[in-house]
Amino acid sequence: HFLSSAERYHDLFVEIMGDDPELRAADVFMCGEPVLFCRLLSIFGKPVIGYISTPISVYVKSDDRALWYQQFHDMALDPRHIFATTTPIFAEWVAYATGISLPVVRPVCAYTEASYWPVRTREVLMLRTVSLFWDTECVLNYFARQAARSNAEEKAPIKFRESTSLTGKERVGYSAFAEFLAAVIFPYAVSQFWFYELYSMAVPIYMPSRDTIPLYVSQDYAVCPDFEGHRPGHAPHRVHPHSPFDLDDWAAMTYWANYTDYLTLPHITYFDSVPQLLLRLEQGDHRAISTEMRKTHTELLGAATTFWSQALEHVAALNGMPRSESSGEEVSPADADE
């Protein structure tokens, strides 16, 4: 769905909310989805922190997109405001459309308060999949039972549990998810928070082969061709050779899939087939994998802590508060690639 007019929507917001005393008293605003709301909040003259996890063109129809991209470009270069993206692919989409280079600050999901503790040694968590044609949990469990029958060691078959089939008690908090031997993700979007939550808990993650990831992530509404567009005067193909919204070109789909964290973060295990998945689940050193994931997550946590601390220091300084001695370098506004 798209707004009938982004400018009329902006004017209506100003008319209804422009004199709101609580909004005018705010020291800083945060915005995310849709990114268009960041411009609405900027009317109050206060710093805006935008944390982007979608295409910036969401809800903005094609006729309004060029103007909006220019407005976003100007806003991102304003030293009052701070923008970052959750994943590399969203940062590169912004660069493709506007020529602006934004930092990537991955979600660290500290709220899970859970760590890998695989007491369910023969159970594998499977995230909800989007399919109208088959039950993935049923298919995988069938293969697991057949594999167990042919196993000379007579082990119990691995049991796959789809997240939506867990009991209400199991879905309270995150501790139960950290108890599974591993998790299997068939992604249906270029970015899913479940992925980051499991990574933060250091739960070993299995995903389809790197060669097939483009097919999975191309189901996402975010790659809809209707989102195509760029800032006036900007040549997107000087930044990237392919459009992220070209679903008719395998080279383009593969190119952009390589910017997803499914393929950029380390210590993910990939499989080409169900038998290979079962074999790797049986033979994998999951505690060793988990340990390496924990190390990577600690680095991501450190980077995120530094970024957000500096962002808040920046906002405080704009509001007249002295910077702390331990704050380090001031966070920089977005950079223009051209």
C-alpha atoms as a PDB file:
ATOM      1  CA  HIS A   1       0.000   0.000   0.000  1.00  0.00           C
ATOM      2  CA  PHE A   2       1.199   3.521  -0.789  1.00  0.00           C
ATOM      3  CA  LEU A   3       0.128   6.926   0.502  1.00  0.00           C
ATOM      4  CA  SER A   4      -1.964   8.830  -2.011  1.00  0.00           C
ATOM      5  CA  SER A   5       0.368  11.793  -1.484  1.00  0.00           C
ATOM      6  CA  ALA A   6       3.419  11.890   0.776  1.00  0.00           C
ATOM      7  CA  GLU A   7       3.352  15.700   0.816  1.00  0.00           C
ATOM      8  CA  ARG A   8      -0.316  15.859   1.803  1.00  0.00           C
ATOM      9  CA  TYR A   9       0.361  13.310   4.525  1.00  0.00           C
ATOM     10  CA  HIS A  10       3.225  15.495   5.780  1.00  0.00           C
ATOM     11  CA  ASP A  11       1.026  18.601   5.766  1.00  0.00           C
ATOM     12  CA  LEU A  12      -1.751  16.750   7.602  1.00  0.00           C
ATOM     13  CA  PHE A  13       0.709  15.631  10.271  1.00  0.00           C
ATOM     14  CA  VAL A  14       1.888  19.221  10.728  1.00  0.00           C
ATOM     15  CA  GLU A  15      -1.705  20.405  10.987  1.00  0.00           C
ATOM     16  CA  ILE A  16      -2.744  17.801  13.559  1.00  0.00           C
ATOM     17  CA  MET A  17       0.441  17.270  15.570  1.00  0.00           C
ATOM     18  CA  GLY A  18       2.585  20.331  14.867  1.00  0.00           C
ATOM     19  CA  ASP A  19       1.593  22.138  18.065  1.00  0.00           C
ATOM     20  CA  ASP A  20       1.467  19.085  20.316  1.00  0.00           C
ATOM     21  CA  PRO A  21       3.168  20.203  23.583  1.00  0.00           C
ATOM     22  CA  GLU A  22       4.600  16.784  24.417  1.00  0.00           C
ATOM     23  CA  LEU A  23       6.191  16.378  21.014  1.00  0.00           C
ATOM     24  CA  ARG A  24       7.570  19.904  21.122  1.00  0.00           C
ATOM     25  CA  ALA A  25       9.081  19.195  24.558  1.00  0.00           C
ATOM     26  CA  ALA A  26      10.953  16.109  23.384  1.00  0.00           C
ATOM     27  CA  ASP A  27      14.760  16.203  23.322  1.00  0.00           C
ATOM     28  CA  VAL A  28      15.170  13.597  20.574  1.00  0.00           C
ATOM     29  CA  PHE A  29      13.026  11.480  18.280  1.00  0.00           C
ATOM     30  CA  MET A  30      13.567   7.929  17.074  1.00  0.00           C
ATOM     31  CA  CYS A  31      12.047   6.472  13.945  1.00  0.00           C
ATOM     32  CA  GLY A  32      12.229   3.256  12.007  1.00  0.00           C
ATOM     33  CA  GLU A  33       9.453   1.929   9.817  1.00  0.00           C
ATOM     34  CA  PRO A  34       8.345   3.575   7.665  1.00  0.00           C
ATOM     35  CA  VAL A  35      11.392   5.793   7.231  1.00  0.00           C
ATOM     36  CA  LEU A  36       9.123   8.522   5.895  1.00  0.00           C
ATOM     37  CA  PHE A  37       8.069   9.176   9.511  1.00  0.00           C
ATOM     38  CA  CYS A  38      11.584  10.456  10.225  1.00  0.00           C
ATOM     39  CA  ARG A  39      10.815  13.500   8.070  1.00  0.00           C
ATOM     40  CA  LEU A  40       7.561  14.081   9.924  1.00  0.00           C
ATOM     41  CA  LEU A  41       9.365  14.127  13.255  1.00  0.00           C
ATOM     42  CA  SER A  42      12.047  16.482  11.952  1.00  0.00           C
ATOM     43  CA  ILE A  43       9.547  19.376  11.842  1.00  0.00           C
ATOM     44  CA  PHE A  44      10.081  19.915  15.573  1.00  0.00           C
ATOM     45  CA  GLY A  45      13.685  20.966  15.026  1.00  0.00           C
ATOM     46  CA  LYS A  46      15.122  18.330  17.363  1.00  0.00           C
ATOM     47  CA  PRO A  47      17.639  15.571  16.591  1.00  0.00           C
ATOM     48  CA  VAL A  48      16.174  12.528  14.891  1.00  0.00           C
ATOM     49  CA  ILE A  49      17.744   9.076  15.160  1.00  0.00           C
ATOM     50  CA  GLY A  50      16.627   6.775  12.360  1.00  0.00           C
ATOM     51  CA  TYR A  51      17.217   3.028  12.631  1.00  0.00           C
ATOM     52  CA  ILE A  52      16.353   1.620   9.225  1.00  0.00           C
ATOM     53  CA  SER A  53      15.219  -1.952   8.629  1.00  0.00           C
ATOM     54  CA  THR A  54      13.128  -1.560   5.467  1.00  0.00           C
ATOM     55  CA  PRO A  55      13.441   0.073   2.048  1.00  0.00           C
ATOM     56  CA  ILE A  56      13.207   3.827   2.565  1.00  0.00           C
ATOM     57  CA  SER A  57      10.525   3.965  -0.128  1.00  0.00           C
ATOM     58  CA  VAL A  58       7.937   2.001   1.884  1.00  0.00           C
ATOM     59  CA  TYR A  59       4.509   3.706   1.622  1.00  0.00           C
ATOM     60  CA  VAL A  60       5.863   6.298  -0.837  1.00  0.00           C
ATOM     61  CA  LYS A  61       4.397   5.898  -4.310  1.00  0.00           C
ATOM     62  CA  SER A  62       6.564   6.257  -7.408  1.00  0.00           C
ATOM     63  CA  ASP A  63       5.342   9.778  -8.242  1.00  0.00           C
ATOM     64  CA  ASP A  64       6.549  11.074  -4.853  1.00  0.00           C
ATOM     65  CA  ARG A  65       9.687   9.000  -4.574  1.00  0.00           C
ATOM     66  CA  ALA A  66      12.254  11.261  -6.247  1.00  0.00           C
ATOM     67  CA  LEU A  67      11.338  14.191  -3.996  1.00  0.00           C
ATOM     68  CA  TRP A  68      11.329  11.980  -0.910  1.00  0.00           C
ATOM     69  CA  TYR A  69      14.753  10.551  -1.749  1.00  0.00           C
ATOM     70  CA  GLN A  70      16.113  14.099  -2.058  1.00  0.00           C
ATOM     71  CA  GLN A  71      14.519  15.023   1.265  1.00  0.00           C
ATOM     72  CA  PHE A  72      16.015  11.964   2.928  1.00  0.00           C
ATOM     73  CA  HIS A  73      19.415  12.731   1.383  1.00  0.00           C
ATOM     74  CA  ASP A  74      19.350  16.259   2.806  1.00  0.00           C
ATOM     75  CA  MET A  75      18.126  15.088   6.186  1.00  0.00           C
ATOM     76  CA  ALA A  76      20.779  12.374   6.459  1.00  0.00           C
ATOM     77  CA  LEU A  77      23.525  14.919   5.789  1.00  0.00           C
ATOM     78  CA  ASP A  78      22.152  17.298   8.442  1.00  0.00           C
ATOM     79  CA  PRO A  79      24.580  17.052  11.397  1.00  0.00           C
ATOM     80  CA  ARG A  80      21.681  17.128  13.854  1.00  0.00           C
ATOM     81  CA  HIS A  81      20.391  13.769  12.713  1.00  0.00           C
ATOM     82  CA  ILE A  82      21.793  10.254  12.923  1.00  0.00           C
ATOM     83  CA  PHE A  83      20.860   7.345  10.666  1.00  0.00           C
ATOM     84  CA  ALA A  84      21.965   3.725  10.699  1.00  0.00           C
ATOM     85  CA  THR A  85      20.698   0.472   9.232  1.00  0.00           C
ATOM     86  CA  THR A  86      20.216  -2.925  10.815  1.00  0.00           C
ATOM     87  CA  THR A  87      21.918  -4.893   8.038  1.00  0.00           C
ATOM     88  CA  PRO A  88      24.383  -4.344   5.193  1.00  0.00           C
ATOM     89  CA  ILE A  89      21.730  -4.894   2.535  1.00  0.00           C
ATOM     90  CA  PHE A  90      19.580  -1.994   3.752  1.00  0.00           C
ATOM     91  CA  ALA A  91      22.623   0.277   3.885  1.00  0.00           C
ATOM     92  CA  GLU A  92      23.464  -0.618   0.293  1.00  0.00           C
ATOM     93  CA  TRP A  93      19.854  -0.076  -0.805  1.00  0.00           C
ATOM     94  CA  VAL A  94      20.056   3.442   0.617  1.00  0.00           C
ATOM     95  CA  ALA A  95      23.336   4.022  -1.236  1.00  0.00           C
ATOM     96  CA  TYR A  96      21.776   2.709  -4.445  1.00  0.00           C
ATOM     97  CA  ALA A  97      18.772   5.059  -4.209  1.00  0.00           C
ATOM     98  CA  THR A  98      20.346   8.202  -2.759  1.00  0.00           C
ATOM     99  CA  GLY A  99      24.155   8.024  -2.847  1.00  0.00           C
ATOM    100  CA  ILE A 100      24.250   8.210   0.964  1.00  0.00           C
ATOM    101  CA  SER A 101      26.503   5.824   2.899  1.00  0.00           C
ATOM    102  CA  LEU A 102      25.018   4.821   6.269  1.00  0.00           C
ATOM    103  CA  PRO A 103      26.653   2.836   9.070  1.00  0.00           C
ATOM    104  CA  VAL A 104      25.444  -0.692   9.820  1.00  0.00           C
ATOM    105  CA  VAL A 105      24.574  -1.361  13.459  1.00  0.00           C
ATOM    106  CA  ARG A 106      23.291  -4.892  13.760  1.00  0.00           C
ATOM    107  CA  PRO A 107      20.620  -5.810  16.330  1.00  0.00           C
ATOM    108  CA  VAL A 108      22.284  -7.426  19.358  1.00  0.00           C
ATOM    109  CA  CYS A 109      19.040  -8.588  21.014  1.00  0.00           C
ATOM    110  CA  ALA A 110      20.347  -8.367  24.579  1.00  0.00           C
ATOM    111  CA  TYR A 111      16.739  -8.607  25.747  1.00  0.00           C
ATOM    112  CA  THR A 112      16.680 -12.377  25.157  1.00  0.00           C
ATOM    113  CA  GLU A 113      18.659 -12.939  28.375  1.00  0.00           C
ATOM    114  CA  ALA A 114      19.310 -16.502  27.218  1.00  0.00           C
ATOM    115  CA  SER A 115      22.365 -18.500  26.186  1.00  0.00           C
ATOM    116  CA  TYR A 116      22.817 -21.751  24.304  1.00  0.00           C
ATOM    117  CA  TRP A 117      22.230 -24.705  26.622  1.00  0.00           C
ATOM    118  CA  PRO A 118      21.279 -27.692  24.433  1.00  0.00           C
ATOM    119  CA  VAL A 119      19.481 -29.990  26.846  1.00  0.00           C
ATOM    120  CA  ARG A 120      17.139 -31.019  24.013  1.00  0.00           C
ATOM    121  CA  THR A 121      19.902 -32.988  22.356  1.00  0.00           C
ATOM    122  CA  ARG A 122      17.703 -34.566  19.659  1.00  0.00           C
ATOM    123  CA  GLU A 123      15.419 -31.628  18.948  1.00  0.00           C
ATOM    124  CA  VAL A 124      15.984 -28.938  16.332  1.00  0.00           C
ATOM    125  CA  LEU A 125      14.049 -25.688  16.257  1.00  0.00           C
ATOM    126  CA  MET A 126      12.651 -24.674  12.898  1.00  0.00           C
ATOM    127  CA  LEU A 127      11.412 -21.150  12.346  1.00  0.00           C
ATOM    128  CA  ARG A 128       8.020 -20.535  10.825  1.00  0.00           C
ATOM    129  CA  THR A 129       8.202 -20.971   7.080  1.00  0.00           C
ATOM    130  CA  VAL A 130       6.020 -19.431   4.407  1.00  0.00           C
ATOM    131  CA  SER A 131       4.681 -22.140   2.114  1.00  0.00           C
ATOM    132  CA  LEU A 132       1.278 -22.851   0.692  1.00  0.00           C
ATOM    133  CA  PHE A 133       2.213 -26.243  -0.663  1.00  0.00           C
ATOM    134  CA  TRP A 134       3.874 -28.360   2.001  1.00  0.00           C
ATOM    135  CA  ASP A 135       4.465 -28.741   5.727  1.00  0.00           C
ATOM    136  CA  THR A 136       8.228 -28.362   6.126  1.00  0.00           C
ATOM    137  CA  GLU A 137       8.225 -29.718   9.676  1.00  0.00           C
ATOM    138  CA  CYS A 138       6.421 -32.869   8.490  1.00  0.00           C
ATOM    139  CA  VAL A 139       8.778 -33.334   5.533  1.00  0.00           C
ATOM    140  CA  LEU A 140      11.939 -32.976   7.613  1.00  0.00           C
ATOM    141  CA  ASN A 141      10.655 -35.277  10.344  1.00  0.00           C
ATOM    142  CA  TYR A 142       9.803 -37.928   7.752  1.00  0.00           C
ATOM    143  CA  PHE A 143      13.363 -37.891   6.413  1.00  0.00           C
ATOM    144  CA  ALA A 144      14.739 -37.897   9.972  1.00  0.00           C
ATOM    145  CA  ARG A 145      12.743 -41.021  10.846  1.00  0.00           C
ATOM    146  CA  GLN A 146      13.890 -42.792   7.694  1.00  0.00           C
ATOM    147  CA  ALA A 147      17.504 -41.877   8.432  1.00  0.00           C
ATOM    148  CA  ALA A 148      17.204 -43.168  11.998  1.00  0.00           C
ATOM    149  CA  ARG A 149      15.907 -46.538  10.784  1.00  0.00           C
ATOM    150  CA  SER A 150      18.986 -47.029   8.655  1.00  0.00           C
ATOM    151  CA  ASN A 151      21.372 -45.918  11.426  1.00  0.00           C
ATOM    152  CA  ALA A 152      23.312 -48.806  12.931  1.00  0.00           C
ATOM    153  CA  GLU A 153      23.732 -46.891  16.200  1.00  0.00           C
ATOM    154  CA  GLU A 154      19.944 -47.001  16.766  1.00  0.00           C
ATOM    155  CA  LYS A 155      19.727 -43.398  17.892  1.00  0.00           C
ATOM    156  CA  ALA A 156      16.369 -41.756  18.333  1.00  0.00           C
ATOM    157  CA  PRO A 157      15.522 -39.707  15.248  1.00  0.00           C
ATOM    158  CA  ILE A 158      16.174 -36.010  15.274  1.00  0.00           C
ATOM    159  CA  LYS A 159      12.893 -34.223  15.839  1.00  0.00           C
ATOM    160  CA  PHE A 160      12.169 -30.917  14.135  1.00  0.00           C
ATOM    161  CA  ARG A 161       9.878 -28.531  16.002  1.00  0.00           C
ATOM    162  CA  GLU A 162       8.400 -25.564  14.172  1.00  0.00           C
ATOM    163  CA  SER A 163       8.310 -22.477  16.386  1.00  0.00           C
ATOM    164  CA  THR A 164       4.559 -22.003  15.959  1.00  0.00           C
ATOM    165  CA  SER A 165       3.886 -25.562  17.179  1.00  0.00           C
ATOM    166  CA  LEU A 166       5.549 -24.994  20.552  1.00  0.00           C
ATOM    167  CA  THR A 167       3.334 -24.816  23.608  1.00  0.00           C
ATOM    168  CA  GLY A 168       2.432 -21.523  25.198  1.00  0.00           C
ATOM    169  CA  LYS A 169       4.763 -22.299  28.094  1.00  0.00           C
ATOM    170  CA  GLU A 170       7.642 -22.980  25.704  1.00  0.00           C
ATOM    171  CA  ARG A 171       7.091 -19.661  23.961  1.00  0.00           C
ATOM    172  CA  VAL A 172       7.351 -17.579  27.149  1.00  0.00           C
ATOM    173  CA  GLY A 173      10.689 -15.799  27.098  1.00  0.00           C
ATOM    174  CA  TYR A 174      13.638 -17.111  25.123  1.00  0.00           C
ATOM    175  CA  SER A 175      15.191 -19.750  27.377  1.00  0.00           C
ATOM    176  CA  ALA A 176      13.336 -22.638  25.729  1.00  0.00           C
ATOM    177  CA  PHE A 177      14.648 -21.642  22.289  1.00  0.00           C
ATOM    178  CA  ALA A 178      18.215 -21.796  23.599  1.00  0.00           C
ATOM    179  CA  GLU A 179      17.699 -25.415  24.719  1.00  0.00           C
ATOM    180  CA  PHE A 180      17.476 -26.863  21.198  1.00  0.00           C
ATOM    181  CA  LEU A 181      20.444 -28.598  19.598  1.00  0.00           C
ATOM    182  CA  ALA A 182      20.314 -26.119  16.707  1.00  0.00           C
ATOM    183  CA  ALA A 183      17.916 -24.091  14.594  1.00  0.00           C
ATOM    184  CA  VAL A 184      17.001 -24.339  10.916  1.00  0.00           C
ATOM    185  CA  ILE A 185      15.964 -21.202   9.062  1.00  0.00           C
ATOM    186  CA  PHE A 186      14.408 -21.141   5.602  1.00  0.00           C
ATOM    187  CA  PRO A 187      14.426 -17.345   5.208  1.00  0.00           C
ATOM    188  CA  TYR A 188      11.476 -15.575   3.653  1.00  0.00           C
ATOM    189  CA  ALA A 189      12.847 -12.022   3.936  1.00  0.00           C
ATOM    190  CA  VAL A 190      16.184 -10.281   3.454  1.00  0.00           C
ATOM    191  CA  SER A 191      16.320  -9.716   7.212  1.00  0.00           C
ATOM    192  CA  GLN A 192      14.515 -11.460  10.077  1.00  0.00           C
ATOM    193  CA  PHE A 193      14.903 -10.613  13.746  1.00  0.00           C
ATOM    194  CA  TRP A 194      14.651 -14.277  14.653  1.00  0.00           C
ATOM    195  CA  PHE A 195      18.017 -14.729  12.973  1.00  0.00           C
ATOM    196  CA  TYR A 196      19.645 -12.089  15.181  1.00  0.00           C
ATOM    197  CA  GLU A 197      17.926 -13.363  18.315  1.00  0.00           C
ATOM    198  CA  LEU A 198      19.210 -16.891  17.768  1.00  0.00           C
ATOM    199  CA  TYR A 199      22.667 -15.567  16.901  1.00  0.00           C
ATOM    200  CA  SER A 200      22.716 -13.521  20.110  1.00  0.00           C
ATOM    201  CA  MET A 201      21.947 -16.692  22.095  1.00  0.00           C
ATOM    202  CA  ALA A 202      24.708 -18.510  20.148  1.00  0.00           C
ATOM    203  CA  VAL A 203      22.296 -21.191  18.948  1.00  0.00           C
ATOM    204  CA  PRO A 204      23.908 -22.926  15.938  1.00  0.00           C
ATOM    205  CA  ILE A 205      22.042 -21.940  12.779  1.00  0.00           C
ATOM    206  CA  TYR A 206      21.536 -24.076   9.670  1.00  0.00           C
ATOM    207  CA  MET A 207      20.392 -22.509   6.412  1.00  0.00           C
ATOM    208  CA  PRO A 208      19.895 -23.621   2.786  1.00  0.00           C
ATOM    209  CA  SER A 209      22.951 -23.482   0.556  1.00  0.00           C
ATOM    210  CA  ARG A 210      24.424 -20.125  -0.353  1.00  0.00           C
ATOM    211  CA  ASP A 211      23.434 -20.710  -3.992  1.00  0.00           C
ATOM    212  CA  THR A 212      19.741 -20.969  -3.123  1.00  0.00           C
ATOM    213  CA  ILE A 213      19.463 -18.109  -0.620  1.00  0.00           C
ATOM    214  CA  PRO A 214      18.477 -15.646  -3.403  1.00  0.00           C
ATOM    215  CA  LEU A 215      15.375 -17.728  -4.130  1.00  0.00           C
ATOM    216  CA  TYR A 216      14.268 -17.583  -0.511  1.00  0.00           C
ATOM    217  CA  VAL A 217      14.861 -13.903   0.190  1.00  0.00           C
ATOM    218  CA  SER A 218      13.224 -12.867  -3.079  1.00  0.00           C
ATOM    219  CA  GLN A 219       9.864 -13.738  -1.487  1.00  0.00           C
ATOM    220  CA  ASP A 220      10.189 -10.587   0.618  1.00  0.00           C
ATOM    221  CA  TYR A 221       7.848  -7.669  -0.048  1.00  0.00           C
ATOM    222  CA  ALA A 222      10.917  -5.434   0.371  1.00  0.00           C
ATOM    223  CA  VAL A 223      12.216  -6.436  -3.070  1.00  0.00           C
ATOM    224  CA  CYS A 224       8.973  -5.508  -4.784  1.00  0.00           C
ATOM    225  CA  PRO A 225       9.733  -3.818  -8.144  1.00  0.00           C
ATOM    226  CA  ASP A 226       7.324  -1.034  -7.141  1.00  0.00           C
ATOM    227  CA  PHE A 227      10.038   0.250  -4.774  1.00  0.00           C
ATOM    228  CA  GLU A 228      12.415   1.111  -7.620  1.00  0.00           C
ATOM    229  CA  GLY A 229      13.618   4.704  -7.818  1.00  0.00           C
ATOM    230  CA  HIS A 230      16.443   7.092  -7.002  1.00  0.00           C
ATOM    231  CA  ARG A 231      17.277  10.670  -6.067  1.00  0.00           C
ATOM    232  CA  PRO A 232      17.269  13.212  -8.924  1.00  0.00           C
ATOM    233  CA  GLY A 233      20.746  13.633 -10.362  1.00  0.00           C
ATOM    234  CA  HIS A 234      21.992  10.432  -8.721  1.00  0.00           C
ATOM    235  CA  ALA A 235      23.162   7.564 -10.937  1.00  0.00           C
ATOM    236  CA  PRO A 236      22.430   4.382  -8.935  1.00  0.00           C
ATOM    237  CA  HIS A 237      24.379   2.101 -11.261  1.00  0.00           C
ATOM    238  CA  ARG A 238      27.542   4.007 -10.425  1.00  0.00           C
ATOM    239  CA  VAL A 239      27.120   2.609  -6.900  1.00  0.00           C
ATOM    240  CA  HIS A 240      25.790  -0.879  -7.710  1.00  0.00           C
ATOM    241  CA  PRO A 241      25.600  -2.656 -11.073  1.00  0.00           C
ATOM    242  CA  HIS A 242      22.170  -4.166 -10.400  1.00  0.00           C
ATOM    243  CA  SER A 243      18.848  -2.955  -9.087  1.00  0.00           C
ATOM    244  CA  PRO A 244      17.819  -4.625  -5.809  1.00  0.00           C
ATOM    245  CA  PHE A 245      14.302  -4.849  -7.207  1.00  0.00           C
ATOM    246  CA  ASP A 246      15.127  -6.792 -10.370  1.00  0.00           C
ATOM    247  CA  LEU A 247      13.611 -10.231  -9.835  1.00  0.00           C
ATOM    248  CA  ASP A 248      14.028 -11.254 -13.461  1.00  0.00           C
ATOM    249  CA  ASP A 249      17.824 -11.315 -13.384  1.00  0.00           C
ATOM    250  CA  TRP A 250      19.518 -14.135 -11.472  1.00  0.00           C
ATOM    251  CA  ALA A 251      22.791 -12.202 -11.425  1.00  0.00           C
ATOM    252  CA  ALA A 252      21.021  -9.302  -9.677  1.00  0.00           C
ATOM    253  CA  MET A 253      19.291 -11.575  -7.165  1.00  0.00           C
ATOM    254  CA  THR A 254      22.571 -13.311  -6.322  1.00  0.00           C
ATOM    255  CA  TYR A 255      24.449 -10.025  -6.115  1.00  0.00           C
ATOM    256  CA  TRP A 256      22.080  -8.561  -3.546  1.00  0.00           C
ATOM    257  CA  ALA A 257      21.682 -11.752  -1.526  1.00  0.00           C
ATOM    258  CA  ASN A 258      25.392 -11.520  -0.779  1.00  0.00           C
ATOM    259  CA  TYR A 259      24.669  -8.404   1.287  1.00  0.00           C
ATOM    260  CA  THR A 260      22.316 -10.258   3.634  1.00  0.00           C
ATOM    261  CA  ASP A 261      23.675 -11.233   7.026  1.00  0.00           C
ATOM    262  CA  TYR A 262      22.701 -14.804   6.240  1.00  0.00           C
ATOM    263  CA  LEU A 263      25.783 -14.789   4.030  1.00  0.00           C
ATOM    264  CA  THR A 264      27.980 -12.132   5.659  1.00  0.00           C
ATOM    265  CA  LEU A 265      28.014 -13.235   9.298  1.00  0.00           C
ATOM    266  CA  PRO A 266      30.363 -16.140  10.108  1.00  0.00           C
ATOM    267  CA  HIS A 267      29.670 -19.534  11.688  1.00  0.00           C
ATOM    268  CA  ILE A 268      26.435 -20.301   9.826  1.00  0.00           C
ATOM    269  CA  THR A 269      26.193 -23.885   8.534  1.00  0.00           C
ATOM    270  CA  TYR A 270      24.678 -24.405   5.075  1.00  0.00           C
ATOM    271  CA  PHE A 271      23.158 -27.519   3.536  1.00  0.00           C
ATOM    272  CA  ASP A 272      22.446 -28.563  -0.052  1.00  0.00           C
ATOM    273  CA  SER A 273      19.870 -31.233   0.732  1.00  0.00           C
ATOM    274  CA  VAL A 274      17.867 -32.753   3.573  1.00  0.00           C
ATOM    275  CA  PRO A 275      20.240 -35.763   3.881  1.00  0.00           C
ATOM    276  CA  GLN A 276      23.181 -33.372   4.169  1.00  0.00           C
ATOM    277  CA  LEU A 277      21.308 -31.364   6.802  1.00  0.00           C
ATOM    278  CA  LEU A 278      20.686 -34.511   8.852  1.00  0.00           C
ATOM    279  CA  LEU A 279      24.300 -35.624   8.510  1.00  0.00           C
ATOM    280  CA  ARG A 280      25.651 -32.255   9.620  1.00  0.00           C
ATOM    281  CA  LEU A 281      23.275 -32.131  12.556  1.00  0.00           C
ATOM    282  CA  GLU A 282      24.566 -35.521  13.659  1.00  0.00           C
ATOM    283  CA  GLN A 283      28.250 -34.786  13.125  1.00  0.00           C
ATOM    284  CA  GLY A 284      28.520 -31.076  13.903  1.00  0.00           C
ATOM    285  CA  ASP A 285      30.445 -29.831  16.933  1.00  0.00           C
ATOM    286  CA  HIS A 286      27.682 -27.522  18.045  1.00  0.00           C
ATOM    287  CA  ARG A 287      29.329 -26.340  21.227  1.00  0.00           C
ATOM    288  CA  ALA A 288      32.388 -25.246  19.247  1.00  0.00           C
ATOM    289  CA  ILE A 289      30.171 -23.457  16.720  1.00  0.00           C
ATOM    290  CA  SER A 290      28.289 -21.789  19.561  1.00  0.00           C
ATOM    291  CA  THR A 291      31.511 -20.603  21.148  1.00  0.00           C
ATOM    292  CA  GLU A 292      32.601 -18.921  17.912  1.00  0.00           C
ATOM    293  CA  MET A 293      29.160 -17.336  17.488  1.00  0.00           C
ATOM    294  CA  ARG A 294      29.416 -15.968  21.006  1.00  0.00           C
ATOM    295  CA  LYS A 295      32.769 -14.351  20.175  1.00  0.00           C
ATOM    296  CA  THR A 296      31.322 -12.703  17.070  1.00  0.00           C
ATOM    297  CA  HIS A 297      28.275 -11.514  18.968  1.00  0.00           C
ATOM    298  CA  THR A 298      30.491  -9.959  21.627  1.00  0.00           C
ATOM    299  CA  GLU A 299      32.215  -7.950  18.887  1.00  0.00           C
ATOM    300  CA  LEU A 300      28.839  -6.859  17.484  1.00  0.00           C
ATOM    301  CA  LEU A 301      27.680  -5.889  20.966  1.00  0.00           C
ATOM    302  CA  GLY A 302      30.787  -3.785  21.477  1.00  0.00           C
ATOM    303  CA  ALA A 303      30.321  -2.013  18.159  1.00  0.00           C
ATOM    304  CA  ALA A 304      26.632  -1.353  18.847  1.00  0.00           C
ATOM    305  CA  THR A 305      27.330  -0.085  22.369  1.00  0.00           C
ATOM    306  CA  THR A 306      29.935   2.319  21.037  1.00  0.00           C
ATOM    307  CA  PHE A 307      27.649   3.615  18.288  1.00  0.00           C
ATOM    308  CA  TRP A 308      24.588   4.174  20.480  1.00  0.00           C
ATOM    309  CA  SER A 309      26.638   5.701  23.301  1.00  0.00           C
ATOM    310  CA  GLN A 310      28.144   8.184  20.882  1.00  0.00           C
ATOM    311  CA  ALA A 311      24.716   8.870  19.373  1.00  0.00           C
ATOM    312  CA  LEU A 312      23.286   9.759  22.783  1.00  0.00           C
ATOM    313  CA  GLU A 313      26.347  11.871  23.585  1.00  0.00           C
ATOM    314  CA  HIS A 314      25.777  13.700  20.304  1.00  0.00           C
ATOM    315  CA  VAL A 315      22.142  14.375  21.178  1.00  0.00           C
ATOM    316  CA  ALA A 316      23.082  15.518  24.667  1.00  0.00           C
ATOM    317  CA  ALA A 317      25.663  17.939  23.256  1.00  0.00           C
ATOM    318  CA  LEU A 318      23.082  19.408  20.882  1.00  0.00           C
ATOM    319  CA  ASN A 319      20.858  19.997  23.904  1.00  0.00           C
ATOM    320  CA  GLY A 320      23.622  21.876  25.728  1.00  0.00           C
ATOM    321  CA  MET A 321      24.917  19.104  27.973  1.00  0.00           C
ATOM    322  CA  PRO A 322      28.706  18.676  28.307  1.00  0.00           C
ATOM    323  CA  ARG A 323      30.223  15.577  26.722  1.00  0.00           C
ATOM    324  CA  SER A 324      31.625  12.957  29.060  1.00  0.00           C
ATOM    325  CA  GLU A 325      35.369  12.367  29.028  1.00  0.00           C
ATOM    326  CA  SER A 326      34.892   8.683  28.160  1.00  0.00           C
ATOM    327  CA  SER A 327      32.611   9.224  25.193  1.00  0.00           C
ATOM    328  CA  GLY A 328      35.363   8.965  22.591  1.00  0.00           C
ATOM    329  CA  GLU A 329      34.941  10.298  19.094  1.00  0.00           C
ATOM    330  CA  GLU A 330      31.698  11.976  18.190  1.00  0.00           C
ATOM    331  CA  VAL A 331      29.347   9.997  15.967  1.00  0.00           C
ATOM    332  CA  SER A 332      29.497  11.216  12.383  1.00  0.00           C
ATOM    333  CA  PRO A 333      26.534  12.034  10.167  1.00  0.00           C
ATOM    334  CA  ALA A 334      25.957  10.044   7.013  1.00  0.00           C
ATOM    335  CA  ASP A 335      28.451  10.346   4.185  1.00  0.00           C
ATOM    336  CA  ALA A 336      27.612  11.159   0.584  1.00  0.00           C
ATOM    337  CA  ASP A 337      29.084   8.668  -1.859  1.00  0.00           C
ATOM    338  CA  GLU A 338      29.090  11.254  -4.608  1.00  0.00           C
END
